PDB file of N, CA and C in Angstrom:
ATOM      1  N   MET A   1     -15.172  17.560  20.166  1.00  0.00           N
ATOM      2  CA  MET A   1     -14.153  16.545  19.878  1.00  0.00           C
ATOM      3  C   MET A   1     -13.215  16.398  21.077  1.00  0.00           C
ATOM      4  N   THR A   2     -13.029  15.195  21.501  1.00  0.00           N
ATOM      5  CA  THR A   2     -12.146  14.952  22.637  1.00  0.00           C
ATOM      6  C   THR A   2     -10.716  14.796  22.148  1.00  0.00           C
ATOM      7  N   GLN A   3      -9.840  15.611  22.663  1.00  0.00           N
ATOM      8  CA  GLN A   3      -8.446  15.574  22.220  1.00  0.00           C
ATOM      9  C   GLN A   3      -7.601  14.634  23.062  1.00  0.00           C
ATOM     10  N   ASN A   4      -8.200  14.037  24.080  1.00  0.00           N
ATOM     11  CA  ASN A   4      -7.436  13.132  24.936  1.00  0.00           C
ATOM     12  C   ASN A   4      -7.238  11.772  24.298  1.00  0.00           C
ATOM     13  N   LYS A   5      -8.151  11.380  23.419  1.00  0.00           N
ATOM     14  CA  LYS A   5      -8.085  10.044  22.834  1.00  0.00           C
ATOM     15  C   LYS A   5      -7.143  10.035  21.640  1.00  0.00           C
ATOM     16  N   LYS A   6      -6.211   9.116  21.656  1.00  0.00           N
ATOM     17  CA  LYS A   6      -5.240   9.010  20.571  1.00  0.00           C
ATOM     18  C   LYS A   6      -5.939   8.697  19.253  1.00  0.00           C
ATOM     19  N   GLY A   7      -6.948   7.831  19.299  1.00  0.00           N
ATOM     20  CA  GLY A   7      -7.637   7.423  18.079  1.00  0.00           C
ATOM     21  C   GLY A   7      -8.245   8.588  17.326  1.00  0.00           C
ATOM     22  N   ASP A   8      -8.846   9.529  18.048  1.00  0.00           N
ATOM     23  CA  ASP A   8      -9.468  10.677  17.397  1.00  0.00           C
ATOM     24  C   ASP A   8      -8.421  11.517  16.677  1.00  0.00           C
ATOM     25  N   ARG A   9      -7.307  11.757  17.360  1.00  0.00           N
ATOM     26  CA  ARG A   9      -6.257  12.591  16.768  1.00  0.00           C
ATOM     27  C   ARG A   9      -5.664  11.909  15.534  1.00  0.00           C
ATOM     28  N   VAL A  10      -5.424  10.613  15.620  1.00  0.00           N
ATOM     29  CA  VAL A  10      -4.882   9.892  14.470  1.00  0.00           C
ATOM     30  C   VAL A  10      -5.876   9.935  13.318  1.00  0.00           C
ATOM     31  N   ALA A  11      -7.157   9.786  13.622  1.00  0.00           N
ATOM     32  CA  ALA A  11      -8.177   9.806  12.569  1.00  0.00           C
ATOM     33  C   ALA A  11      -8.187  11.150  11.853  1.00  0.00           C
ATOM     34  N   VAL A  12      -8.093  12.232  12.614  1.00  0.00           N
ATOM     35  CA  VAL A  12      -8.076  13.568  12.007  1.00  0.00           C
ATOM     36  C   VAL A  12      -6.865  13.720  11.098  1.00  0.00           C
ATOM     37  N   TRP A  13      -5.690  13.327  11.587  1.00  0.00           N
ATOM     38  CA  TRP A  13      -4.478  13.455  10.774  1.00  0.00           C
ATOM     39  C   TRP A  13      -4.485  12.499   9.590  1.00  0.00           C
ATOM     40  N   MET A  14      -5.154  11.338   9.743  1.00  0.00           N
ATOM     41  CA  MET A  14      -5.273  10.418   8.607  1.00  0.00           C
ATOM     42  C   MET A  14      -6.090  11.062   7.503  1.00  0.00           C
ATOM     43  N   VAL A  15      -7.185  11.737   7.865  1.00  0.00           N
ATOM     44  CA  VAL A  15      -8.014  12.411   6.860  1.00  0.00           C
ATOM     45  C   VAL A  15      -7.199  13.491   6.158  1.00  0.00           C
ATOM     46  N   ILE A  16      -6.474  14.283   6.940  1.00  0.00           N
ATOM     47  CA  ILE A  16      -5.621  15.327   6.353  1.00  0.00           C
ATOM     48  C   ILE A  16      -4.539  14.688   5.482  1.00  0.00           C
ATOM     49  N   GLY A  17      -3.934  13.620   5.985  1.00  0.00           N
ATOM     50  CA  GLY A  17      -2.885  12.928   5.238  1.00  0.00           C
ATOM     51  C   GLY A  17      -3.392  12.344   3.937  1.00  0.00           C
ATOM     52  N   ILE A  18      -4.600  11.747   3.982  1.00  0.00           N
ATOM     53  CA  ILE A  18      -5.177  11.173   2.765  1.00  0.00           C
ATOM     54  C   ILE A  18      -5.454  12.278   1.754  1.00  0.00           C
ATOM     55  N   ALA A  19      -5.935  13.425   2.224  1.00  0.00           N
ATOM     56  CA  ALA A  19      -6.193  14.549   1.319  1.00  0.00           C
ATOM     57  C   ALA A  19      -4.897  15.015   0.660  1.00  0.00           C
ATOM     58  N   ILE A  20      -3.841  15.147   1.461  1.00  0.00           N
ATOM     59  CA  ILE A  20      -2.539  15.544   0.912  1.00  0.00           C
ATOM     60  C   ILE A  20      -2.021  14.459  -0.030  1.00  0.00           C
ATOM     61  N   GLY A  21      -2.144  13.202   0.407  1.00  0.00           N
ATOM     62  CA  GLY A  21      -1.682  12.085  -0.416  1.00  0.00           C
ATOM     63  C   GLY A  21      -2.414  11.997  -1.741  1.00  0.00           C
ATOM     64  N   THR A  22      -3.727  12.289  -1.714  1.00  0.00           N
ATOM     65  CA  THR A  22      -4.505  12.260  -2.952  1.00  0.00           C
ATOM     66  C   THR A  22      -4.005  13.333  -3.913  1.00  0.00           C
ATOM     67  N   ALA A  23      -3.697  14.514  -3.380  1.00  0.00           N
ATOM     68  CA  ALA A  23      -3.165  15.591  -4.219  1.00  0.00           C
ATOM     69  C   ALA A  23      -1.813  15.197  -4.804  1.00  0.00           C
ATOM     70  N   ILE A  24      -0.955  14.593  -3.963  1.00  0.00           N
ATOM     71  CA  ILE A  24       0.351  14.130  -4.446  1.00  0.00           C
ATOM     72  C   ILE A  24       0.152  13.052  -5.507  1.00  0.00           C
ATOM     73  N   GLY A  25      -0.770  12.114  -5.229  1.00  0.00           N
ATOM     74  CA  GLY A  25      -1.048  11.033  -6.177  1.00  0.00           C
ATOM     75  C   GLY A  25      -1.538  11.561  -7.514  1.00  0.00           C
ATOM     76  N   ALA A  26      -2.390  12.576  -7.476  1.00  0.00           N
ATOM     77  CA  ALA A  26      -2.893  13.165  -8.717  1.00  0.00           C
ATOM     78  C   ALA A  26      -1.752  13.811  -9.496  1.00  0.00           C
ATOM     79  N   ALA A  27      -0.856  14.475  -8.778  1.00  0.00           N
ATOM     80  CA  ALA A  27       0.279  15.125  -9.431  1.00  0.00           C
ATOM     81  C   ALA A  27       1.224  14.091 -10.041  1.00  0.00           C
ATOM     82  N   MET A  28       1.368  12.951  -9.343  1.00  0.00           N
ATOM     83  CA  MET A  28       2.269  11.902  -9.820  1.00  0.00           C
ATOM     84  C   MET A  28       1.591  10.939 -10.786  1.00  0.00           C
ATOM     85  N   ASN A  29       0.266  11.111 -10.972  1.00  0.00           N
ATOM     86  CA  ASN A  29      -0.506  10.189 -11.807  1.00  0.00           C
ATOM     87  C   ASN A  29      -0.488   8.776 -11.232  1.00  0.00           C
ATOM     88  N   ASN A  30      -0.417   8.661  -9.914  1.00  0.00           N
ATOM     89  CA  ASN A  30      -0.407   7.354  -9.255  1.00  0.00           C
ATOM     90  C   ASN A  30      -1.141   7.489  -7.925  1.00  0.00           C
ATOM     91  N   MET A  31      -2.469   7.296  -7.966  1.00  0.00           N
ATOM     92  CA  MET A  31      -3.298   7.526  -6.791  1.00  0.00           C
ATOM     93  C   MET A  31      -2.964   6.565  -5.657  1.00  0.00           C
ATOM     94  N   GLY A  32      -2.661   5.312  -5.980  1.00  0.00           N
ATOM     95  CA  GLY A  32      -2.369   4.321  -4.936  1.00  0.00           C
ATOM     96  C   GLY A  32      -1.193   4.746  -4.072  1.00  0.00           C
ATOM     97  N   VAL A  33      -0.113   5.184  -4.721  1.00  0.00           N
ATOM     98  CA  VAL A  33       1.076   5.616  -3.985  1.00  0.00           C
ATOM     99  C   VAL A  33       0.751   6.852  -3.151  1.00  0.00           C
ATOM    100  N   GLY A  34       0.028   7.784  -3.729  1.00  0.00           N
ATOM    101  CA  GLY A  34      -0.318   9.017  -3.016  1.00  0.00           C
ATOM    102  C   GLY A  34      -1.149   8.751  -1.778  1.00  0.00           C
ATOM    103  N   ILE A  35      -2.169   7.888  -1.910  1.00  0.00           N
ATOM    104  CA  ILE A  35      -3.030   7.583  -0.765  1.00  0.00           C
ATOM    105  C   ILE A  35      -2.239   6.833   0.304  1.00  0.00           C
ATOM    106  N   ALA A  36      -1.389   5.897  -0.107  1.00  0.00           N
ATOM    107  CA  ALA A  36      -0.568   5.159   0.857  1.00  0.00           C
ATOM    108  C   ALA A  36       0.352   6.118   1.615  1.00  0.00           C
ATOM    109  N   LEU A  37       0.964   7.055   0.903  1.00  0.00           N
ATOM    110  CA  LEU A  37       1.807   8.060   1.553  1.00  0.00           C
ATOM    111  C   LEU A  37       0.984   8.896   2.520  1.00  0.00           C
ATOM    112  N   GLY A  38      -0.219   9.263   2.096  1.00  0.00           N
ATOM    113  CA  GLY A  38      -1.089  10.077   2.944  1.00  0.00           C
ATOM    114  C   GLY A  38      -1.459   9.374   4.231  1.00  0.00           C
ATOM    115  N   VAL A  39      -1.813   8.090   4.143  1.00  0.00           N
ATOM    116  CA  VAL A  39      -2.175   7.318   5.340  1.00  0.00           C
ATOM    117  C   VAL A  39      -0.966   7.215   6.270  1.00  0.00           C
ATOM    118  N   ALA A  40       0.200   6.893   5.707  1.00  0.00           N
ATOM    119  CA  ALA A  40       1.414   6.773   6.520  1.00  0.00           C
ATOM    120  C   ALA A  40       1.746   8.106   7.189  1.00  0.00           C
ATOM    121  N   PHE A  41       1.627   9.181   6.434  1.00  0.00           N
ATOM    122  CA  PHE A  41       1.874  10.527   6.951  1.00  0.00           C
ATOM    123  C   PHE A  41       0.917  10.844   8.103  1.00  0.00           C
ATOM    124  N   GLY A  42      -0.365  10.548   7.895  1.00  0.00           N
ATOM    125  CA  GLY A  42      -1.372  10.830   8.922  1.00  0.00           C
ATOM    126  C   GLY A  42      -1.130  10.056  10.199  1.00  0.00           C
ATOM    127  N   VAL A  43      -0.830   8.777  10.074  1.00  0.00           N
ATOM    128  CA  VAL A  43      -0.579   7.943  11.256  1.00  0.00           C
ATOM    129  C   VAL A  43       0.678   8.428  11.980  1.00  0.00           C
ATOM    130  N   ALA A  44       1.728   8.730  11.207  1.00  0.00           N
ATOM    131  CA  ALA A  44       2.984   9.172  11.816  1.00  0.00           C
ATOM    132  C   ALA A  44       2.789  10.476  12.582  1.00  0.00           C
ATOM    133  N   ILE A  45       2.126  11.440  11.968  1.00  0.00           N
ATOM    134  CA  ILE A  45       1.921  12.732  12.636  1.00  0.00           C
ATOM    135  C   ILE A  45       1.004  12.577  13.837  1.00  0.00           C
ATOM    136  N   GLY A  46      -0.087  11.838  13.670  1.00  0.00           N
ATOM    137  CA  GLY A  46      -1.019  11.643  14.779  1.00  0.00           C
ATOM    138  C   GLY A  46      -0.343  10.994  15.968  1.00  0.00           C
ATOM    139  N   SER A  47       0.471   9.986  15.721  1.00  0.00           N
ATOM    140  CA  SER A  47       1.153   9.280  16.805  1.00  0.00           C
ATOM    141  C   SER A  47       2.215  10.172  17.449  1.00  0.00           C
ATOM    142  N   THR A  48       2.967  10.883  16.638  1.00  0.00           N
ATOM    143  CA  THR A  48       4.050  11.720  17.148  1.00  0.00           C
ATOM    144  C   THR A  48       3.501  12.833  18.021  1.00  0.00           C
ATOM    145  N   ARG A  49       2.462  13.508  17.554  1.00  0.00           N
ATOM    146  CA  ARG A  49       1.896  14.622  18.312  1.00  0.00           C
ATOM    147  C   ARG A  49       1.315  14.132  19.630  1.00  0.00           C
ATOM    148  N   HIS A  50       0.746  12.958  19.636  1.00  0.00           N
ATOM    149  CA  HIS A  50       0.171  12.424  20.877  1.00  0.00           C
ATOM    150  C   HIS A  50       1.270  12.055  21.861  1.00  0.00           C
ATOM    151  N   ASN A  51       2.337  11.463  21.368  1.00  0.00           N
ATOM    152  CA  ASN A  51       3.401  10.977  22.251  1.00  0.00           C
ATOM    153  C   ASN A  51       4.184  12.115  22.902  1.00  0.00           C
ATOM    154  N   LYS A  52       4.262  13.262  22.251  1.00  0.00           N
ATOM    155  CA  LYS A  52       5.015  14.378  22.811  1.00  0.00           C
ATOM    156  C   LYS A  52       4.358  14.911  24.085  1.00  0.00           C
ATOM    157  N   LYS A  53       3.044  14.797  24.182  1.00  0.00           N
ATOM    158  CA  LYS A  53       2.340  15.339  25.345  1.00  0.00           C
ATOM    159  C   LYS A  53       2.528  14.468  26.571  1.00  0.00           C
ATOM    160  N   THR A  54       2.746  13.178  26.410  1.00  0.00           N
ATOM    161  CA  THR A  54       2.806  12.269  27.556  1.00  0.00           C
ATOM    162  C   THR A  54       4.212  12.170  28.123  1.00  0.00           C
TER     163      THR A  54
END
């Protein structure tokens, strides 16, 4: 896995975020909100971690 590409890192964090969001959604009985939170979380973390290195 190439760690230089922003897209790869965001994709990894999106998958992790969706997994976390799905768990939150299941707990809240609202999968749509959980998945949306997960995607937003994944994109935010992926972008932030990439930007700190540059």
